[in-house]
Amino acid sequence: MSSYKPTEHGGMKADGTPDKRVKVGGQQNEGTEKYKPTEHDGMKEDGTPDRRTKMGQGARE
């Protein structure tokens, strides 16, 4: 029995739908990107400073 591997078929399952577990071109198939405070001046999505980054106003000095 041969097993179908989505990684060998452009990240598509045997039924033609995208397999969310497979990254294609360095990104997830869904096209959603994770919000990164380091790319937004150290601010979280809600606009508050992210203390884990050294860029935000709430950063410890």
N, C-alpha and C. Protein backbone atom coordinates (compact mmCIF):
# COMPACT_ATOMS: atom_id res chain seq x y z
N MET A 1 0.85 -1.18 0.00
CA MET A 1 0.00 0.00 0.00
C MET A 1 0.89 1.24 0.00
N SER A 2 0.65 2.14 -0.92
CA SER A 2 1.42 3.38 -0.91
C SER A 2 0.64 4.43 -0.13
N SER A 3 1.37 5.20 0.64
CA SER A 3 0.68 6.23 1.42
C SER A 3 0.83 7.57 0.73
N TYR A 4 -0.24 8.34 0.75
CA TYR A 4 -0.26 9.66 0.13
C TYR A 4 0.43 10.65 1.05
N LYS A 5 1.35 11.43 0.52
CA LYS A 5 2.09 12.40 1.32
C LYS A 5 1.80 13.81 0.79
N PRO A 6 1.08 14.62 1.57
CA PRO A 6 0.78 15.98 1.13
C PRO A 6 2.03 16.81 0.84
N THR A 7 3.14 16.50 1.52
CA THR A 7 4.37 17.26 1.28
C THR A 7 4.90 17.05 -0.13
N GLU A 8 4.50 15.97 -0.75
CA GLU A 8 4.94 15.68 -2.13
C GLU A 8 3.93 16.17 -3.16
N HIS A 9 2.86 16.80 -2.70
CA HIS A 9 1.81 17.27 -3.61
C HIS A 9 1.42 18.72 -3.33
N GLY A 10 2.41 19.56 -3.06
CA GLY A 10 2.16 20.98 -2.87
C GLY A 10 1.32 21.30 -1.64
N GLY A 11 1.36 20.42 -0.65
CA GLY A 11 0.61 20.67 0.58
C GLY A 11 -0.87 20.36 0.48
N MET A 12 -1.27 19.65 -0.57
CA MET A 12 -2.68 19.31 -0.75
C MET A 12 -2.95 17.87 -0.32
N LYS A 13 -4.09 17.66 0.33
CA LYS A 13 -4.50 16.32 0.71
C LYS A 13 -4.98 15.58 -0.54
N ALA A 14 -5.22 14.28 -0.38
CA ALA A 14 -5.66 13.46 -1.51
C ALA A 14 -6.99 13.95 -2.07
N ASP A 15 -7.83 14.57 -1.24
CA ASP A 15 -9.13 15.06 -1.72
C ASP A 15 -9.04 16.45 -2.34
N GLY A 16 -7.81 17.03 -2.39
CA GLY A 16 -7.62 18.33 -3.03
C GLY A 16 -7.70 19.53 -2.12
N THR A 17 -7.99 19.32 -0.86
CA THR A 17 -8.06 20.43 0.09
C THR A 17 -6.67 20.66 0.70
N PRO A 18 -6.38 21.90 1.12
CA PRO A 18 -5.06 22.17 1.71
C PRO A 18 -4.88 21.47 3.05
N ASP A 19 -3.70 20.93 3.26
CA ASP A 19 -3.36 20.30 4.53
C ASP A 19 -2.71 21.38 5.40
N LYS A 20 -3.39 21.76 6.49
CA LYS A 20 -2.94 22.86 7.34
C LYS A 20 -1.61 22.56 8.03
N ARG A 21 -1.24 21.30 8.11
CA ARG A 21 0.00 20.94 8.79
C ARG A 21 1.23 21.19 7.92
N VAL A 22 1.03 21.37 6.63
CA VAL A 22 2.15 21.50 5.70
C VAL A 22 2.43 22.96 5.40
N LYS A 23 3.69 23.34 5.51
CA LYS A 23 4.09 24.70 5.14
C LYS A 23 4.49 24.69 3.67
N VAL A 24 4.01 25.67 2.93
CA VAL A 24 4.35 25.80 1.52
C VAL A 24 4.99 27.16 1.33
N GLY A 25 6.22 27.19 0.85
CA GLY A 25 6.91 28.46 0.63
C GLY A 25 7.22 29.20 1.93
N GLY A 26 7.42 28.47 3.01
CA GLY A 26 7.78 29.09 4.28
C GLY A 26 6.59 29.61 5.07
N GLN A 27 5.37 29.44 4.57
CA GLN A 27 4.18 29.90 5.29
C GLN A 27 3.16 28.78 5.37
N GLN A 28 2.28 28.89 6.35
CA GLN A 28 1.20 27.92 6.46
C GLN A 28 0.25 28.08 5.29
N ASN A 29 -0.41 27.01 4.89
CA ASN A 29 -1.37 27.06 3.78
C ASN A 29 -2.50 28.03 3.99
N GLU A 30 -2.91 28.23 5.22
CA GLU A 30 -4.06 29.09 5.51
C GLU A 30 -3.83 30.53 5.11
N GLY A 31 -2.58 30.95 5.03
CA GLY A 31 -2.31 32.34 4.67
C GLY A 31 -2.39 33.28 5.86
N THR A 32 -2.64 32.74 7.04
CA THR A 32 -2.68 33.60 8.22
C THR A 32 -1.29 33.65 8.82
N GLU A 33 -0.90 34.85 9.19
CA GLU A 33 0.40 35.00 9.81
C GLU A 33 0.21 35.33 11.28
N LYS A 34 1.12 34.86 12.08
CA LYS A 34 1.07 35.13 13.51
C LYS A 34 1.52 36.57 13.75
N TYR A 35 0.81 37.25 14.64
CA TYR A 35 1.15 38.63 14.98
C TYR A 35 2.44 38.63 15.77
N LYS A 36 3.39 39.46 15.36
CA LYS A 36 4.68 39.53 16.03
C LYS A 36 4.90 40.93 16.57
N PRO A 37 4.89 41.09 17.90
CA PRO A 37 5.11 42.42 18.48
C PRO A 37 6.44 43.05 18.06
N THR A 38 7.44 42.24 17.79
CA THR A 38 8.74 42.79 17.39
C THR A 38 8.66 43.50 16.04
N GLU A 39 7.64 43.18 15.25
CA GLU A 39 7.46 43.83 13.95
C GLU A 39 6.52 45.03 14.06
N HIS A 40 6.04 45.31 15.26
CA HIS A 40 5.09 46.41 15.48
C HIS A 40 5.53 47.28 16.65
N ASP A 41 6.81 47.65 16.67
CA ASP A 41 7.38 48.52 17.70
C ASP A 41 7.12 48.03 19.11
N GLY A 42 7.09 46.72 19.31
CA GLY A 42 6.93 46.16 20.64
C GLY A 42 5.52 46.24 21.20
N MET A 43 4.54 46.48 20.34
CA MET A 43 3.16 46.60 20.81
C MET A 43 2.38 45.32 20.48
N LYS A 44 1.51 44.92 21.42
CA LYS A 44 0.63 43.78 21.18
C LYS A 44 -0.49 44.19 20.23
N GLU A 45 -1.27 43.21 19.78
CA GLU A 45 -2.38 43.50 18.86
C GLU A 45 -3.38 44.49 19.46
N ASP A 46 -3.57 44.45 20.78
CA ASP A 46 -4.53 45.35 21.41
C ASP A 46 -3.96 46.74 21.67
N GLY A 47 -2.70 46.97 21.27
CA GLY A 47 -2.10 48.29 21.40
C GLY A 47 -1.32 48.53 22.69
N THR A 48 -1.33 47.54 23.58
CA THR A 48 -0.57 47.68 24.82
C THR A 48 0.86 47.21 24.59
N PRO A 49 1.81 47.74 25.36
CA PRO A 49 3.20 47.33 25.20
C PRO A 49 3.42 45.87 25.59
N ASP A 50 4.26 45.19 24.84
CA ASP A 50 4.60 43.81 25.14
C ASP A 50 5.91 43.83 25.92
N ARG A 51 5.85 43.44 27.18
CA ARG A 51 7.03 43.51 28.04
C ARG A 51 8.13 42.55 27.62
N ARG A 52 7.79 41.55 26.82
CA ARG A 52 8.81 40.59 26.39
C ARG A 52 9.76 41.20 25.37
N THR A 53 9.37 42.29 24.74
CA THR A 53 10.25 42.96 23.78
C THR A 53 10.92 44.15 24.45
N LYS A 54 12.03 44.57 23.94
CA LYS A 54 12.73 45.71 24.51
C LYS A 54 12.37 47.00 23.80
N MET A 55 11.40 46.93 22.88
CA MET A 55 11.02 48.10 22.10
C MET A 55 9.85 48.86 22.71
N GLY A 56 8.96 48.15 23.37
CA GLY A 56 7.73 48.78 23.87
C GLY A 56 8.00 49.74 25.02
N GLN A 57 7.07 50.61 25.27
CA GLN A 57 7.20 51.57 26.35
C GLN A 57 7.21 50.89 27.71
N GLY A 58 6.60 49.73 27.80
CA GLY A 58 6.53 49.01 29.07
C GLY A 58 7.77 48.17 29.34
N ALA A 59 8.75 48.27 28.47
CA ALA A 59 9.96 47.47 28.65
C ALA A 59 10.78 47.95 29.84
N ARG A 60 11.37 47.00 30.49
CA ARG A 60 12.24 47.34 31.62
C ARG A 60 13.57 47.81 31.08
N GLU A 61 14.16 48.76 31.76
CA GLU A 61 15.45 49.29 31.29
C GLU A 61 16.57 48.95 32.20
